[in-house]
Amino acid sequence: MEFYSITQNIARRTGIPRWGLHVIYWVLWVCFWGVMWGTFDNNYEKTFYIQLLELPYKLIFVYSILYYFMPVFLERQRYLLFIFYYLLILAFLSVLVKFTWYFFIESIYFPDRPHSLIRLTDQLNIILTLNTAMVIPFGIKLTEYWLFQQQKSNQLEKEKLQAELKFLRTQVNPHFLFNSLNSIYALSLMKSELTSDTIARLSEIMRYLIYEADAPKVSIDNEVEFIKSYIEFEKIRLNEEVDISFTLVNDRNGTIPPLLFIPLIENAFKHLKSFGTEKSWIVIQMELSNKRMKLLVENSSGDTSIQKGNGGIGISNLKKRLELLYPNHYELSLRNEDEVHYATLTIFEDALSQPQTKL
């Protein structure tokens, strides 16, 4: 991952090379302090001379800290070592600056002042001056470091999310195949003539699961065709023993995450139950628009475990995917009333709507 650079970003926008931005900064720095200190005694020659003599030490201090000690120690969270070397370099350079003042400044501009190589107040002033030169560059570098950490954290979170979603998608296929093979196995035991037709339909479904549904997004039309194929697969397997009603209103274009609705539809077939002489039944209603996607599944059922929210691996998987894909933008309701199982999933595309999950 590329380290975020404020100066590089400014250079890209202005067309000025990075080294040119550094030169401009230090020229402005010398001019600012030369003018500011020169206003005290109107001796601008002296203040600019002092600033230019001190500039090499400030450059050594700033660039050694920013481009060596920060990457080596601070960015690796070795804070104590960074502080130690920061203070060590600061003390060493302050002594060199003091020597420069003693030999090249004090004798010229302060001849009446007592000269001394060791004076605590002078050292403290020099240390303050060197630290002042560090404030802006160090602040910029810390900001770059913080932005880079945020970028890295976001990237890691994104990769983690994608990995988890991919893992959840891969769980759907084996779970679906396991249930389907169980159904075909039951037909084979009965030596049903529908076994071959069921296998052919399952082959079509598995082709979609293997070659298309592994992607993060799939065509909405392909997903709808897959759902229709699955319902036809179940009709063949059940041999018209179940009344199945499927209605679809599809006004949506583009793509959607694959296999979001199939766990609820599959769950309905898995937990079917007839009432006395009445046939089992399933009602499936889908509404797909650019504002929301809604699936309503009703089926005759006496399985109270679903009422408690225990819908098996498929439903548990679905809940996790919805939390990752549409946090606070979906409603999932699973309930049993009068031996009828209701499953409703609504996904809101409008960011202003933030419904809470219902179980």
Protein backbone atom coordinates (compact mmCIF):
# COMPACT_ATOMS: atom_id res chain seq x y z
CA MET A 1 0.00 0.00 0.00
CA GLU A 2 1.38 3.39 -1.01
CA PHE A 3 2.17 5.78 1.83
CA TYR A 4 -0.07 8.85 1.64
CA SER A 5 1.98 12.03 1.09
CA ILE A 6 0.53 15.52 1.50
CA THR A 7 3.46 17.14 -0.32
CA GLN A 8 3.18 14.65 -3.16
CA ASN A 9 -0.53 15.39 -3.44
CA ILE A 10 0.14 19.16 -3.51
CA ALA A 11 2.91 18.63 -6.07
CA ARG A 12 0.54 16.66 -8.26
CA ARG A 13 -2.11 19.38 -8.10
CA THR A 14 0.19 22.37 -8.57
CA GLY A 15 2.74 20.87 -10.95
CA ILE A 16 5.56 21.93 -8.63
CA PRO A 17 8.07 19.13 -7.87
CA ARG A 18 8.33 18.00 -4.25
CA TRP A 19 11.85 19.34 -3.87
CA GLY A 20 10.54 22.69 -5.12
CA LEU A 21 7.86 22.72 -2.42
CA HIS A 22 10.54 22.07 0.21
CA VAL A 23 12.66 24.95 -1.13
CA ILE A 24 9.66 27.28 -1.10
CA TYR A 25 8.84 26.28 2.48
CA TRP A 26 12.33 27.00 3.81
CA VAL A 27 12.64 30.27 1.88
CA LEU A 28 9.36 31.39 3.42
CA TRP A 29 10.57 30.17 6.81
CA VAL A 30 13.79 32.26 6.62
CA CYS A 31 11.91 35.29 5.34
CA PHE A 32 9.22 35.08 8.03
CA TRP A 33 11.60 34.85 10.99
CA GLY A 34 14.11 37.25 9.43
CA VAL A 35 11.41 39.90 9.04
CA MET A 36 9.78 39.19 12.40
CA TRP A 37 12.99 39.40 14.46
CA GLY A 38 14.26 42.29 12.33
CA THR A 39 11.36 44.48 13.40
CA PHE A 40 12.76 44.63 16.97
CA ASP A 41 15.83 46.69 16.07
CA ASN A 42 15.31 47.27 12.33
CA ASN A 43 18.50 45.31 11.64
CA TYR A 44 17.26 42.90 9.00
CA GLU A 45 20.78 42.11 7.84
CA LYS A 46 21.57 40.63 11.25
CA THR A 47 18.40 38.56 11.53
CA PHE A 48 18.65 37.15 8.01
CA TYR A 49 22.33 36.35 8.60
CA ILE A 50 21.43 34.46 11.80
CA GLN A 51 18.59 32.59 10.10
CA LEU A 52 20.85 31.50 7.24
CA LEU A 53 23.59 30.32 9.61
CA GLU A 54 21.08 28.30 11.64
CA LEU A 55 19.31 26.88 8.59
CA PRO A 56 21.70 23.92 7.93
CA TYR A 57 21.25 22.66 11.50
CA LYS A 58 17.48 22.94 11.20
CA LEU A 59 17.54 21.05 7.92
CA ILE A 60 19.66 18.27 9.46
CA PHE A 61 17.36 18.09 12.47
CA VAL A 62 14.08 18.08 10.53
CA TYR A 63 15.01 15.69 7.73
CA SER A 64 16.88 13.20 9.89
CA ILE A 65 13.87 12.95 12.18
CA LEU A 66 11.25 12.83 9.43
CA TYR A 67 12.93 10.51 6.96
CA TYR A 68 14.97 8.21 9.15
CA PHE A 69 13.98 8.11 12.79
CA MET A 70 10.21 8.33 12.25
CA PRO A 71 10.08 5.38 9.79
CA VAL A 72 12.55 3.33 11.82
CA PHE A 73 11.12 3.90 15.28
CA LEU A 74 7.89 5.92 15.45
CA GLU A 75 6.00 4.12 12.67
CA ARG A 76 7.03 0.80 14.20
CA GLN A 77 5.64 1.96 17.56
CA ARG A 78 9.04 2.03 19.26
CA TYR A 79 8.17 5.30 20.95
CA LEU A 80 10.78 5.34 23.73
CA LEU A 81 13.64 4.82 21.28
CA PHE A 82 12.24 7.55 19.05
CA ILE A 83 12.05 10.01 21.96
CA PHE A 84 15.58 9.07 23.03
CA TYR A 85 17.11 9.71 19.61
CA TYR A 86 15.02 12.84 19.14
CA LEU A 87 16.40 14.34 22.35
CA LEU A 88 19.92 13.11 21.57
CA ILE A 89 19.99 14.77 18.14
CA LEU A 90 18.37 17.89 19.56
CA ALA A 91 21.04 18.19 22.27
CA PHE A 92 23.89 17.52 19.85
CA LEU A 93 22.71 20.07 17.28
CA SER A 94 22.01 22.67 19.96
CA VAL A 95 25.69 22.46 20.98
CA LEU A 96 26.78 22.94 17.36
CA VAL A 97 24.46 25.92 16.98
CA LYS A 98 25.91 27.39 20.16
CA PHE A 99 29.44 27.07 18.71
CA THR A 100 28.25 28.81 15.56
CA TRP A 101 26.76 31.64 17.59
CA TYR A 102 29.95 31.96 19.64
CA PHE A 103 32.32 32.20 16.68
CA PHE A 104 30.22 33.79 13.92
CA ILE A 105 27.41 35.79 15.54
CA GLU A 106 28.13 37.02 19.05
CA SER A 107 31.54 38.55 18.23
CA ILE A 108 30.03 40.45 15.27
CA TYR A 109 26.61 41.61 16.47
CA PHE A 110 26.96 41.42 20.27
CA PRO A 111 30.54 42.61 21.02
CA ASP A 112 29.58 44.16 24.37
CA ARG A 113 27.88 41.03 25.61
CA PRO A 114 29.86 38.56 27.79
CA HIS A 115 30.72 35.56 25.60
CA SER A 116 30.54 32.03 26.88
CA LEU A 117 30.41 28.62 25.23
CA ILE A 118 28.26 27.30 28.05
CA ARG A 119 25.19 29.28 29.04
CA LEU A 120 21.97 27.48 30.03
CA THR A 121 19.61 30.21 28.81
CA ASP A 122 21.31 30.24 25.40
CA GLN A 123 21.00 26.47 25.07
CA LEU A 124 17.33 26.56 26.01
CA ASN A 125 16.68 29.28 23.43
CA ILE A 126 18.50 27.28 20.76
CA ILE A 127 16.57 24.12 21.65
CA LEU A 128 13.32 26.09 21.40
CA THR A 129 14.39 27.48 18.01
CA LEU A 130 15.21 24.02 16.65
CA ASN A 131 11.93 22.62 17.94
CA THR A 132 10.04 25.50 16.36
CA ALA A 133 11.49 24.51 12.99
CA MET A 134 10.19 20.99 13.57
CA VAL A 135 6.57 21.87 14.40
CA ILE A 136 5.06 22.21 10.91
CA PRO A 137 7.01 19.41 9.15
CA PHE A 138 6.46 17.04 12.07
CA GLY A 139 2.76 17.90 12.14
CA ILE A 140 2.45 17.21 8.41
CA LYS A 141 4.30 13.90 8.76
CA LEU A 142 2.16 12.81 11.69
CA THR A 143 -0.96 13.67 9.71
CA GLU A 144 0.34 11.60 6.78
CA TYR A 145 1.09 8.74 9.14
CA TRP A 146 -2.40 8.91 10.68
CA LEU A 147 -4.05 9.03 7.24
CA PHE A 148 -1.97 6.06 6.13
CA GLN A 149 -2.97 4.08 9.21
CA GLN A 150 -6.63 4.92 8.56
CA GLN A 151 -6.24 3.88 4.93
CA LYS A 152 -4.53 0.65 5.94
CA SER A 153 -7.15 -0.06 8.58
CA ASN A 154 -9.96 0.54 6.08
CA GLN A 155 -8.24 -1.67 3.52
CA LEU A 156 -7.77 -4.48 6.04
CA GLU A 157 -11.41 -4.16 7.13
CA LYS A 158 -12.51 -4.25 3.50
CA GLU A 159 -10.39 -7.32 2.79
CA LYS A 160 -11.70 -9.00 5.93
CA LEU A 161 -15.28 -8.21 4.91
CA GLN A 162 -14.72 -9.56 1.39
CA ALA A 163 -13.09 -12.71 2.74
CA GLU A 164 -15.95 -13.30 5.17
CA LEU A 165 -18.55 -12.72 2.47
CA LYS A 166 -16.73 -15.09 0.13
CA PHE A 167 -16.59 -17.71 2.87
CA LEU A 168 -20.32 -17.33 3.54
CA ARG A 169 -21.09 -17.63 -0.18
CA THR A 170 -19.05 -20.81 -0.42
CA GLN A 171 -21.06 -22.26 2.47
CA VAL A 172 -24.31 -21.88 0.55
CA ASN A 173 -23.35 -24.26 -2.27
CA PRO A 174 -22.49 -27.35 -0.16
CA HIS A 175 -25.52 -26.76 2.04
CA PHE A 176 -27.80 -26.44 -0.96
CA LEU A 177 -26.25 -29.46 -2.70
CA PHE A 178 -26.54 -31.58 0.44
CA ASN A 179 -30.28 -30.92 0.75
CA SER A 180 -30.85 -31.48 -2.98
CA LEU A 181 -28.98 -34.78 -3.01
CA ASN A 182 -31.01 -35.94 -0.04
CA SER A 183 -34.16 -35.23 -2.03
CA ILE A 184 -32.87 -37.11 -5.10
CA TYR A 185 -31.78 -39.99 -2.89
CA ALA A 186 -35.33 -40.26 -1.51
CA LEU A 187 -36.69 -40.39 -5.09
CA SER A 188 -34.19 -43.08 -6.06
CA LEU A 189 -35.25 -45.24 -3.12
CA MET A 190 -38.82 -45.05 -4.40
CA LYS A 191 -37.54 -45.86 -7.91
CA SER A 192 -39.34 -42.76 -9.12
CA GLU A 193 -39.38 -41.96 -12.82
CA LEU A 194 -38.73 -38.34 -11.82
CA THR A 195 -35.21 -39.08 -10.62
CA SER A 196 -33.54 -38.46 -13.98
CA ASP A 197 -35.49 -35.23 -14.59
CA THR A 198 -34.60 -34.03 -11.11
CA ILE A 199 -30.91 -34.72 -11.67
CA ALA A 200 -31.01 -32.83 -14.98
CA ARG A 201 -32.64 -29.82 -13.31
CA LEU A 202 -30.13 -29.97 -10.44
CA SER A 203 -27.30 -29.97 -12.99
CA GLU A 204 -28.58 -26.66 -14.38
CA ILE A 205 -28.81 -25.20 -10.88
CA MET A 206 -25.30 -26.33 -9.95
CA ARG A 207 -23.90 -24.80 -13.15
CA TYR A 208 -25.18 -21.42 -11.95
CA LEU A 209 -23.87 -21.95 -8.42
CA ILE A 210 -20.39 -22.90 -9.60
CA TYR A 211 -19.80 -20.55 -12.53
CA GLU A 212 -21.83 -17.43 -11.69
CA ALA A 213 -22.81 -17.26 -8.04
CA ASP A 214 -19.19 -17.22 -6.87
CA ALA A 215 -18.92 -13.56 -7.92
CA PRO A 216 -19.65 -10.70 -5.46
CA LYS A 217 -22.50 -9.48 -7.70
CA VAL A 218 -24.63 -11.23 -10.31
CA SER A 219 -27.16 -10.08 -12.86
CA ILE A 220 -30.60 -9.64 -11.32
CA ASP A 221 -32.12 -11.49 -14.29
CA ASN A 222 -29.79 -14.46 -13.83
CA GLU A 223 -30.59 -14.61 -10.12
CA VAL A 224 -34.32 -14.57 -10.84
CA GLU A 225 -33.91 -17.37 -13.41
CA PHE A 226 -31.98 -19.37 -10.82
CA ILE A 227 -34.82 -18.98 -8.30
CA LYS A 228 -37.34 -20.08 -10.95
CA SER A 229 -35.19 -23.11 -11.79
CA TYR A 230 -35.00 -24.09 -8.14
CA ILE A 231 -38.77 -23.86 -7.74
CA GLU A 232 -39.22 -26.03 -10.85
CA PHE A 233 -36.69 -28.46 -9.40
CA GLU A 234 -38.77 -28.77 -6.23
CA LYS A 235 -41.98 -29.18 -8.24
CA ILE A 236 -40.48 -32.14 -10.09
CA ARG A 237 -39.15 -33.63 -6.87
CA LEU A 238 -42.48 -33.28 -5.06
CA ASN A 239 -44.46 -34.57 -8.05
CA GLU A 240 -47.32 -32.09 -7.70
CA GLU A 241 -47.90 -33.08 -4.08
CA VAL A 242 -47.55 -29.48 -3.00
CA ASP A 243 -49.49 -26.43 -4.16
CA ILE A 244 -46.84 -23.87 -5.12
CA SER A 245 -47.64 -20.27 -6.00
CA PHE A 246 -44.89 -17.99 -7.27
CA THR A 247 -45.43 -14.35 -8.26
CA LEU A 248 -42.75 -11.91 -9.33
CA VAL A 249 -42.66 -8.16 -9.90
CA ASN A 250 -39.23 -7.26 -11.26
CA ASP A 251 -38.59 -3.59 -12.03
CA ARG A 252 -34.97 -3.66 -10.99
CA ASN A 253 -31.92 -3.42 -13.24
CA GLY A 254 -28.24 -4.10 -12.66
CA THR A 255 -26.73 -6.56 -10.20
CA ILE A 256 -27.28 -7.90 -6.68
CA PRO A 257 -25.33 -10.14 -4.30
CA PRO A 258 -26.05 -13.77 -5.24
CA LEU A 259 -28.10 -16.30 -3.27
CA LEU A 260 -29.68 -13.87 -0.82
CA PHE A 261 -33.25 -15.13 -1.24
CA ILE A 262 -32.76 -18.83 -1.86
CA PRO A 263 -32.24 -19.81 1.85
CA LEU A 264 -35.77 -18.61 2.74
CA ILE A 265 -37.32 -20.36 -0.27
CA GLU A 266 -35.37 -23.54 0.41
CA ASN A 267 -36.37 -23.38 4.06
CA ALA A 268 -40.03 -23.35 3.08
CA PHE A 269 -39.68 -26.61 1.13
CA LYS A 270 -37.61 -28.14 3.91
CA HIS A 271 -40.22 -27.55 6.63
CA LEU A 272 -43.42 -28.35 4.73
CA LYS A 273 -46.27 -30.01 6.56
CA SER A 274 -49.76 -30.95 5.40
CA PHE A 275 -52.95 -30.40 7.40
CA GLY A 276 -54.92 -33.61 7.52
CA THR A 277 -56.27 -34.33 4.05
CA GLU A 278 -55.16 -30.94 2.74
CA LYS A 279 -52.09 -30.73 0.56
CA SER A 280 -49.04 -28.84 1.70
CA TRP A 281 -48.70 -25.41 0.14
CA ILE A 282 -46.17 -22.67 -0.45
CA VAL A 283 -46.72 -19.06 -1.49
CA ILE A 284 -43.71 -17.10 -2.75
CA GLN A 285 -43.94 -13.41 -3.63
CA MET A 286 -41.00 -11.35 -4.87
CA GLU A 287 -40.91 -7.60 -5.45
CA LEU A 288 -37.71 -6.15 -6.89
CA SER A 289 -37.39 -2.43 -7.49
CA ASN A 290 -34.63 0.17 -7.37
CA LYS A 291 -35.78 1.30 -3.91
CA ARG A 292 -36.21 -2.03 -2.20
CA MET A 293 -36.08 -5.79 -2.65
CA LYS A 294 -38.73 -7.83 -0.85
CA LEU A 295 -39.39 -11.54 -0.55
CA LEU A 296 -42.41 -13.04 1.22
CA VAL A 297 -42.58 -16.81 1.73
CA GLU A 298 -45.51 -18.59 3.42
CA ASN A 299 -45.86 -22.32 3.84
CA SER A 300 -47.82 -24.85 5.84
CA SER A 301 -45.60 -25.90 8.70
CA GLY A 302 -45.70 -27.15 12.25
CA ASP A 303 -41.99 -26.73 12.99
CA THR A 304 -41.79 -24.56 16.10
CA SER A 305 -37.99 -24.41 15.93
CA ILE A 306 -38.32 -21.86 13.15
CA GLN A 307 -40.48 -19.73 15.36
CA LYS A 308 -37.58 -19.56 17.79
CA GLY A 309 -35.32 -18.29 15.04
CA ASN A 310 -33.49 -21.60 14.50
CA GLY A 311 -33.62 -22.01 10.73
CA GLY A 312 -30.44 -24.03 10.34
CA ILE A 313 -27.17 -23.26 8.59
CA GLY A 314 -28.82 -21.54 5.64
CA ILE A 315 -30.73 -18.99 7.71
CA SER A 316 -27.79 -18.39 10.06
CA ASN A 317 -25.59 -17.82 7.02
CA LEU A 318 -28.14 -15.43 5.52
CA LYS A 319 -28.28 -13.33 8.68
CA LYS A 320 -24.50 -12.93 8.72
CA ARG A 321 -24.40 -11.92 5.05
CA LEU A 322 -27.17 -9.37 5.52
CA GLU A 323 -25.32 -7.81 8.45
CA LEU A 324 -22.20 -7.49 6.33
CA LEU A 325 -23.89 -6.31 3.13
CA TYR A 326 -26.78 -4.20 4.43
CA PRO A 327 -26.22 -3.27 8.11
CA ASN A 328 -29.29 -1.48 9.51
CA HIS A 329 -30.85 -1.41 6.03
CA TYR A 330 -32.87 -4.60 6.06
CA GLU A 331 -35.73 -6.35 7.85
CA LEU A 332 -35.78 -10.10 8.35
CA SER A 333 -38.80 -11.66 10.01
CA LEU A 334 -39.27 -15.39 10.74
CA ARG A 335 -42.35 -16.56 12.63
CA ASN A 336 -44.97 -19.31 12.97
CA GLU A 337 -48.67 -18.52 13.44
CA ASP A 338 -51.42 -21.13 13.38
CA GLU A 339 -49.10 -23.73 11.85
CA VAL A 340 -48.17 -21.38 9.05
CA HIS A 341 -44.56 -20.32 8.65
CA TYR A 342 -43.96 -16.74 7.49
CA ALA A 343 -40.59 -15.50 6.24
CA THR A 344 -40.15 -11.91 5.07
CA LEU A 345 -36.99 -10.25 3.89
CA THR A 346 -36.92 -6.60 2.86
CA ILE A 347 -33.73 -4.83 1.78
CA PHE A 348 -33.84 -1.04 1.58
CA GLU A 349 -31.64 0.75 -0.91
CA ASP A 350 -32.56 4.20 0.39
CA ALA A 351 -29.91 5.30 2.91
CA LEU A 352 -32.50 7.42 4.73
CA SER A 353 -34.36 4.29 5.81
CA GLN A 354 -32.70 2.47 8.68
CA PRO A 355 -35.05 -0.25 9.93
CA GLN A 356 -33.95 -2.62 12.62
CA THR A 357 -33.64 -6.38 12.23
CA LYS A 358 -36.54 -8.43 13.49
CA LEU A 359 -36.30 -12.09 14.43
